[in-house]
Amino acid sequence: MSKYIILGFLGALVIMHCAEDDIPLYSDVSGYLRRNDSLTSGINNVILTVGDIDPDDITGMRTRKVTTGPHDTLDGYWEMDSVCYGTTRQQGTGYVRITLDTLDNPAYPYRVWLPNIFGPSDTVVLTMLVDTLP
């Protein structure tokens, strides 16, 4: 009889866990767009598109744009607040996408980065090959 009670209790726990809502997880993300031949040579005036999970509809995605610029004597800095990098049920690579689009930046090649973002704040360093720069 006690086996059935334990199995019933475990079944109820599984059902309660499955009924939980996904809670969005946010991070304030900042970073630099740099040349691959230097640790300090950044690239300014590039429009990046940051795509993340839409917190109002976790099955969808939202996109926001940010422009790189100088910060603390280093070029190529960018910052984006409240990036939704996952939920309590789904986290990992691929939920945040950073894109350099040729429509916004005709002088640069199309490029996509899929960074791993975790925690309340994170830093991402994006690199561009020198051969592809104008």
N, C-alpha and C. Protein backbone atom coordinates (compact mmCIF):
# COMPACT_ATOMS: atom_id res chain seq x y z
N MET A 1 0.82 -1.20 0.00
CA MET A 1 0.00 0.00 0.00
C MET A 1 0.86 1.26 0.00
N SER A 2 1.98 1.22 0.73
CA SER A 2 2.84 2.41 0.80
C SER A 2 3.50 2.68 -0.55
N LYS A 3 3.72 1.63 -1.35
CA LYS A 3 4.30 1.83 -2.69
C LYS A 3 3.36 2.67 -3.55
N TYR A 4 2.06 2.42 -3.45
CA TYR A 4 1.09 3.16 -4.25
C TYR A 4 1.00 4.62 -3.80
N ILE A 5 1.14 4.84 -2.53
CA ILE A 5 1.11 6.21 -2.01
C ILE A 5 2.33 6.98 -2.51
N ILE A 6 3.50 6.36 -2.46
CA ILE A 6 4.73 7.00 -2.94
C ILE A 6 4.65 7.26 -4.44
N LEU A 7 4.17 6.29 -5.20
CA LEU A 7 4.01 6.48 -6.64
C LEU A 7 3.00 7.59 -6.95
N GLY A 8 1.95 7.65 -6.22
CA GLY A 8 0.95 8.71 -6.40
C GLY A 8 1.52 10.08 -6.07
N PHE A 9 2.32 10.14 -5.01
CA PHE A 9 2.96 11.39 -4.62
C PHE A 9 3.94 11.84 -5.69
N LEU A 10 4.78 10.93 -6.20
CA LEU A 10 5.73 11.27 -7.26
C LEU A 10 5.01 11.71 -8.54
N GLY A 11 3.92 11.04 -8.87
CA GLY A 11 3.13 11.43 -10.04
C GLY A 11 2.55 12.84 -9.88
N ALA A 12 2.08 13.16 -8.68
CA ALA A 12 1.55 14.50 -8.43
C ALA A 12 2.65 15.55 -8.55
N LEU A 13 3.87 15.24 -8.09
CA LEU A 13 4.99 16.18 -8.22
C LEU A 13 5.33 16.43 -9.69
N VAL A 14 5.33 15.37 -10.49
CA VAL A 14 5.63 15.52 -11.92
C VAL A 14 4.57 16.38 -12.59
N ILE A 15 3.33 16.15 -12.29
CA ILE A 15 2.24 16.93 -12.89
C ILE A 15 2.33 18.39 -12.46
N MET A 16 2.64 18.66 -11.19
CA MET A 16 2.76 20.04 -10.72
C MET A 16 3.95 20.73 -11.39
N HIS A 17 5.05 20.01 -11.58
CA HIS A 17 6.22 20.59 -12.24
C HIS A 17 5.92 20.93 -13.70
N CYS A 18 5.18 20.08 -14.38
CA CYS A 18 4.85 20.32 -15.78
C CYS A 18 3.87 21.48 -15.93
N ALA A 19 3.10 21.77 -14.92
CA ALA A 19 2.11 22.84 -15.01
C ALA A 19 2.72 24.22 -14.73
N GLU A 20 3.98 24.30 -14.32
CA GLU A 20 4.61 25.58 -14.03
C GLU A 20 4.75 26.40 -15.30
N ASP A 21 4.64 27.72 -15.16
CA ASP A 21 4.85 28.62 -16.29
C ASP A 21 6.33 28.87 -16.48
N ASP A 22 6.72 29.12 -17.74
CA ASP A 22 8.09 29.51 -18.03
C ASP A 22 8.29 30.95 -17.58
N ILE A 23 9.32 31.19 -16.80
CA ILE A 23 9.65 32.53 -16.34
C ILE A 23 10.84 33.03 -17.14
N PRO A 24 10.71 34.18 -17.84
CA PRO A 24 11.82 34.68 -18.65
C PRO A 24 13.02 35.07 -17.78
N LEU A 25 14.21 34.84 -18.31
CA LEU A 25 15.46 35.21 -17.64
C LEU A 25 16.10 36.33 -18.45
N TYR A 26 16.52 37.41 -17.75
CA TYR A 26 17.05 38.59 -18.42
C TYR A 26 18.51 38.82 -18.06
N SER A 27 19.21 39.46 -19.00
CA SER A 27 20.60 39.84 -18.79
C SER A 27 20.84 41.19 -19.44
N ASP A 28 21.61 42.04 -18.78
CA ASP A 28 22.08 43.27 -19.39
C ASP A 28 23.39 42.94 -20.09
N VAL A 29 23.38 43.00 -21.41
CA VAL A 29 24.52 42.54 -22.21
C VAL A 29 25.26 43.75 -22.77
N SER A 30 26.56 43.72 -22.66
CA SER A 30 27.40 44.72 -23.28
C SER A 30 28.56 44.00 -23.95
N GLY A 31 29.25 44.71 -24.84
CA GLY A 31 30.36 44.06 -25.50
C GLY A 31 31.06 44.98 -26.47
N TYR A 32 31.95 44.39 -27.23
CA TYR A 32 32.76 45.13 -28.20
C TYR A 32 32.75 44.40 -29.53
N LEU A 33 32.74 45.16 -30.61
CA LEU A 33 32.94 44.63 -31.95
C LEU A 33 34.38 44.97 -32.31
N ARG A 34 35.23 43.96 -32.42
CA ARG A 34 36.67 44.17 -32.61
C ARG A 34 37.18 43.53 -33.88
N ARG A 35 38.32 44.04 -34.30
CA ARG A 35 39.06 43.42 -35.40
C ARG A 35 39.74 42.17 -34.85
N ASN A 36 39.90 41.15 -35.67
CA ASN A 36 40.49 39.91 -35.17
C ASN A 36 42.00 40.00 -35.01
N ASP A 37 42.64 41.07 -35.48
CA ASP A 37 44.10 41.18 -35.38
C ASP A 37 44.54 42.06 -34.21
N SER A 38 43.59 42.48 -33.36
CA SER A 38 43.95 43.36 -32.25
C SER A 38 43.00 43.14 -31.07
N LEU A 39 43.52 43.32 -29.87
CA LEU A 39 42.69 43.19 -28.68
C LEU A 39 41.98 44.50 -28.34
N THR A 40 42.43 45.60 -28.92
CA THR A 40 41.87 46.90 -28.56
C THR A 40 41.28 47.68 -29.72
N SER A 41 41.47 47.26 -30.96
CA SER A 41 40.95 48.00 -32.11
C SER A 41 39.51 47.61 -32.37
N GLY A 42 38.60 48.49 -31.95
CA GLY A 42 37.18 48.24 -32.18
C GLY A 42 36.69 48.90 -33.44
N ILE A 43 35.47 48.59 -33.83
CA ILE A 43 34.86 49.11 -35.05
C ILE A 43 33.62 49.91 -34.64
N ASN A 44 33.64 51.22 -34.92
CA ASN A 44 32.53 52.10 -34.55
C ASN A 44 31.52 52.24 -35.68
N ASN A 45 30.35 52.76 -35.33
CA ASN A 45 29.29 53.11 -36.27
C ASN A 45 28.78 51.92 -37.08
N VAL A 46 28.72 50.77 -36.45
CA VAL A 46 28.15 49.57 -37.06
C VAL A 46 26.83 49.29 -36.34
N ILE A 47 25.77 49.06 -37.11
CA ILE A 47 24.47 48.77 -36.53
C ILE A 47 24.35 47.25 -36.37
N LEU A 48 24.17 46.81 -35.13
CA LEU A 48 23.98 45.40 -34.82
C LEU A 48 22.52 45.16 -34.48
N THR A 49 22.00 44.02 -34.87
CA THR A 49 20.64 43.63 -34.52
C THR A 49 20.72 42.50 -33.49
N VAL A 50 20.13 42.73 -32.32
CA VAL A 50 20.13 41.73 -31.25
C VAL A 50 18.75 41.08 -31.24
N GLY A 51 18.72 39.77 -31.48
CA GLY A 51 17.48 39.01 -31.44
C GLY A 51 17.47 38.12 -30.21
N ASP A 52 16.37 38.16 -29.47
CA ASP A 52 16.26 37.34 -28.26
C ASP A 52 14.83 36.83 -28.13
N ILE A 53 14.56 36.07 -27.09
CA ILE A 53 13.23 35.53 -26.85
C ILE A 53 12.30 36.68 -26.50
N ASP A 54 11.12 36.69 -27.10
CA ASP A 54 10.12 37.69 -26.76
C ASP A 54 9.50 37.32 -25.42
N PRO A 55 9.70 38.13 -24.37
CA PRO A 55 9.18 37.74 -23.05
C PRO A 55 7.65 37.71 -22.98
N ASP A 56 6.98 38.42 -23.89
CA ASP A 56 5.51 38.39 -23.91
C ASP A 56 4.96 37.17 -24.63
N ASP A 57 5.77 36.58 -25.49
CA ASP A 57 5.39 35.36 -26.23
C ASP A 57 6.66 34.52 -26.39
N ILE A 58 6.91 33.62 -25.45
CA ILE A 58 8.20 32.91 -25.42
C ILE A 58 8.41 31.98 -26.60
N THR A 59 7.39 31.79 -27.42
CA THR A 59 7.59 30.99 -28.63
C THR A 59 8.08 31.86 -29.79
N GLY A 60 8.07 33.18 -29.60
CA GLY A 60 8.49 34.11 -30.64
C GLY A 60 9.83 34.75 -30.33
N MET A 61 10.24 35.62 -31.22
CA MET A 61 11.52 36.31 -31.07
C MET A 61 11.32 37.80 -31.31
N ARG A 62 12.07 38.62 -30.61
CA ARG A 62 12.04 40.06 -30.85
C ARG A 62 13.42 40.52 -31.30
N THR A 63 13.47 41.62 -32.02
CA THR A 63 14.75 42.15 -32.48
C THR A 63 14.83 43.63 -32.11
N ARG A 64 16.04 44.03 -31.73
CA ARG A 64 16.32 45.43 -31.41
C ARG A 64 17.68 45.78 -31.99
N LYS A 65 17.87 47.04 -32.35
CA LYS A 65 19.11 47.48 -32.97
C LYS A 65 19.92 48.34 -32.01
N VAL A 66 21.24 48.24 -32.16
CA VAL A 66 22.17 49.04 -31.36
C VAL A 66 23.35 49.41 -32.26
N THR A 67 23.94 50.59 -32.04
CA THR A 67 25.06 51.05 -32.84
C THR A 67 26.33 51.06 -31.98
N THR A 68 27.42 50.56 -32.54
CA THR A 68 28.69 50.53 -31.81
C THR A 68 29.30 51.92 -31.78
N GLY A 69 30.07 52.18 -30.72
CA GLY A 69 30.71 53.48 -30.58
C GLY A 69 31.81 53.43 -29.53
N PRO A 70 32.49 54.57 -29.29
CA PRO A 70 33.57 54.60 -28.31
C PRO A 70 33.04 54.57 -26.87
N HIS A 71 33.82 53.96 -25.98
CA HIS A 71 33.48 53.89 -24.56
C HIS A 71 34.77 53.67 -23.78
N ASP A 72 35.08 54.56 -22.85
CA ASP A 72 36.30 54.45 -22.04
C ASP A 72 37.55 54.26 -22.91
N THR A 73 37.69 55.07 -23.91
CA THR A 73 38.83 55.11 -24.85
C THR A 73 38.94 53.86 -25.73
N LEU A 74 37.98 52.97 -25.70
CA LEU A 74 37.99 51.80 -26.59
C LEU A 74 36.83 51.93 -27.57
N ASP A 75 37.10 51.63 -28.83
CA ASP A 75 36.09 51.71 -29.87
C ASP A 75 35.31 50.40 -29.98
N GLY A 76 34.15 50.49 -30.62
CA GLY A 76 33.36 49.29 -30.91
C GLY A 76 32.43 48.85 -29.80
N TYR A 77 32.18 49.68 -28.80
CA TYR A 77 31.35 49.30 -27.65
C TYR A 77 29.87 49.33 -28.02
N TRP A 78 29.11 48.40 -27.46
CA TRP A 78 27.66 48.38 -27.59
C TRP A 78 27.06 47.83 -26.31
N GLU A 79 25.78 48.13 -26.10
CA GLU A 79 25.12 47.72 -24.86
C GLU A 79 23.63 47.54 -25.13
N MET A 80 23.04 46.49 -24.53
CA MET A 80 21.62 46.22 -24.69
C MET A 80 21.08 45.73 -23.33
N ASP A 81 20.06 46.41 -22.82
CA ASP A 81 19.46 46.04 -21.54
C ASP A 81 18.34 45.04 -21.74
N SER A 82 18.11 44.24 -20.71
CA SER A 82 16.99 43.30 -20.65
C SER A 82 16.92 42.35 -21.84
N VAL A 83 18.03 41.70 -22.13
CA VAL A 83 18.05 40.67 -23.17
C VAL A 83 17.52 39.39 -22.55
N CYS A 84 16.47 38.83 -23.14
CA CYS A 84 15.87 37.60 -22.62
C CYS A 84 16.62 36.41 -23.22
N TYR A 85 17.49 35.80 -22.43
CA TYR A 85 18.37 34.74 -22.93
C TYR A 85 17.82 33.34 -22.69
N GLY A 86 16.66 33.23 -22.12
CA GLY A 86 16.06 31.92 -21.88
C GLY A 86 14.91 32.03 -20.89
N THR A 87 14.42 30.88 -20.49
CA THR A 87 13.38 30.81 -19.47
C THR A 87 13.81 29.79 -18.43
N THR A 88 12.99 29.60 -17.43
CA THR A 88 13.33 28.62 -16.41
C THR A 88 13.38 27.21 -16.97
N ARG A 89 12.81 26.98 -18.16
CA ARG A 89 12.81 25.66 -18.78
C ARG A 89 13.76 25.53 -19.97
N GLN A 90 14.12 26.63 -20.60
CA GLN A 90 14.99 26.56 -21.77
C GLN A 90 16.08 27.61 -21.69
N GLN A 91 17.32 27.16 -21.74
CA GLN A 91 18.48 28.03 -21.69
C GLN A 91 19.57 27.41 -22.55
N GLY A 92 20.53 28.24 -22.96
CA GLY A 92 21.66 27.71 -23.69
C GLY A 92 21.99 28.51 -24.93
N THR A 93 22.75 27.89 -25.81
CA THR A 93 23.17 28.56 -27.03
C THR A 93 22.03 28.63 -28.03
N GLY A 94 21.94 29.73 -28.74
CA GLY A 94 20.97 29.86 -29.81
C GLY A 94 19.74 30.66 -29.47
N TYR A 95 19.55 31.04 -28.23
CA TYR A 95 18.38 31.84 -27.87
C TYR A 95 18.63 33.33 -28.05
N VAL A 96 19.89 33.73 -28.17
CA VAL A 96 20.24 35.11 -28.47
C VAL A 96 21.07 35.09 -29.74
N ARG A 97 20.71 35.99 -30.66
CA ARG A 97 21.41 36.06 -31.95
C ARG A 97 21.79 37.52 -32.20
N ILE A 98 23.04 37.75 -32.53
CA ILE A 98 23.51 39.09 -32.87
C ILE A 98 23.89 39.07 -34.34
N THR A 99 23.32 40.00 -35.11
CA THR A 99 23.49 40.01 -36.56
C THR A 99 24.06 41.34 -37.03
N LEU A 100 25.02 41.26 -37.93
CA LEU A 100 25.49 42.42 -38.66
C LEU A 100 24.91 42.27 -40.06
N ASP A 101 23.92 43.10 -40.38
CA ASP A 101 23.18 42.96 -41.63
C ASP A 101 23.72 43.93 -42.68
N THR A 102 23.85 43.47 -43.90
CA THR A 102 24.37 44.32 -44.97
C THR A 102 23.37 45.40 -45.38
N LEU A 103 22.10 45.25 -45.05
CA LEU A 103 21.13 46.31 -45.35
C LEU A 103 21.38 47.53 -44.47
N ASP A 104 21.75 47.31 -43.21
CA ASP A 104 22.06 48.41 -42.30
C ASP A 104 23.50 48.90 -42.46
N ASN A 105 24.39 48.02 -42.88
CA ASN A 105 25.82 48.31 -43.00
C ASN A 105 26.32 47.83 -44.36
N PRO A 106 26.10 48.61 -45.43
CA PRO A 106 26.45 48.13 -46.77
C PRO A 106 27.94 47.86 -46.98
N ALA A 107 28.80 48.47 -46.19
CA ALA A 107 30.25 48.29 -46.39
C ALA A 107 30.77 47.01 -45.74
N TYR A 108 29.96 46.35 -44.91
CA TYR A 108 30.41 45.18 -44.17
C TYR A 108 29.70 43.92 -44.66
N PRO A 109 30.34 42.76 -44.52
CA PRO A 109 29.67 41.51 -44.91
C PRO A 109 28.66 41.07 -43.84
N TYR A 110 27.69 40.29 -44.27
CA TYR A 110 26.69 39.73 -43.36
C TYR A 110 27.37 38.78 -42.38
N ARG A 111 27.00 38.89 -41.12
CA ARG A 111 27.63 38.05 -40.10
C ARG A 111 26.64 37.78 -38.98
N VAL A 112 26.65 36.56 -38.42
CA VAL A 112 25.77 36.18 -37.31
C VAL A 112 26.62 35.57 -36.20
N TRP A 113 26.36 36.01 -34.97
CA TRP A 113 27.00 35.44 -33.79
C TRP A 113 25.91 34.85 -32.89
N LEU A 114 26.18 33.69 -32.29
CA LEU A 114 25.27 33.05 -31.34
C LEU A 114 26.00 32.91 -30.00
N PRO A 115 26.01 33.97 -29.20
CA PRO A 115 26.77 33.92 -27.95
C PRO A 115 26.05 33.15 -26.85
N ASN A 116 26.81 32.62 -25.91
CA ASN A 116 26.26 32.03 -24.70
C ASN A 116 26.11 33.15 -23.68
N ILE A 117 24.90 33.43 -23.28
CA ILE A 117 24.64 34.50 -22.32
C ILE A 117 23.97 33.90 -21.10
N PHE A 118 24.50 34.21 -19.93
CA PHE A 118 23.95 33.71 -18.68
C PHE A 118 24.09 34.77 -17.61
N GLY A 119 23.20 34.78 -16.65
CA GLY A 119 23.30 35.65 -15.49
C GLY A 119 22.72 37.03 -15.71
N PRO A 120 22.71 37.84 -14.65
CA PRO A 120 22.09 39.17 -14.72
C PRO A 120 22.83 40.16 -15.61
N SER A 121 24.11 39.94 -15.85
CA SER A 121 24.86 40.78 -16.79
C SER A 121 25.95 39.93 -17.43
N ASP A 122 26.25 40.23 -18.68
CA ASP A 122 27.23 39.44 -19.41
C ASP A 122 27.93 40.34 -20.42
N THR A 123 29.13 39.96 -20.81
CA THR A 123 29.91 40.70 -21.80
C THR A 123 30.21 39.78 -22.97
N VAL A 124 30.04 40.33 -24.17
CA VAL A 124 30.26 39.56 -25.39
C VAL A 124 31.25 40.32 -26.26
N VAL A 125 32.29 39.65 -26.70
CA VAL A 125 33.25 40.24 -27.63
C VAL A 125 33.04 39.59 -28.99
N LEU A 126 32.67 40.41 -29.97
CA LEU A 126 32.45 39.96 -31.33
C LEU A 126 33.67 40.34 -32.16
N THR A 127 34.12 39.46 -33.02
CA THR A 127 35.29 39.76 -33.84
C THR A 127 34.93 39.72 -35.33
N MET A 128 35.60 40.57 -36.08
CA MET A 128 35.46 40.61 -37.53
C MET A 128 36.83 40.37 -38.16
N LEU A 129 36.87 39.57 -39.21
CA LEU A 129 38.11 39.33 -39.93
C LEU A 129 38.57 40.61 -40.61
N VAL A 130 39.84 40.92 -40.50
CA VAL A 130 40.39 42.14 -41.09
C VAL A 130 40.21 42.13 -42.59
N ASP A 131 40.30 40.97 -43.23
CA ASP A 131 40.18 40.88 -44.69
C ASP A 131 38.79 41.31 -45.18
N THR A 132 37.78 41.26 -44.33
CA THR A 132 36.43 41.59 -44.74
C THR A 132 36.06 43.03 -44.44
N LEU A 133 36.94 43.78 -43.78
CA LEU A 133 36.63 45.15 -43.39
C LEU A 133 36.91 46.12 -44.53
N PRO A 134 36.11 47.19 -44.63
CA PRO A 134 36.34 48.18 -45.69
C PRO A 134 37.60 48.99 -45.45
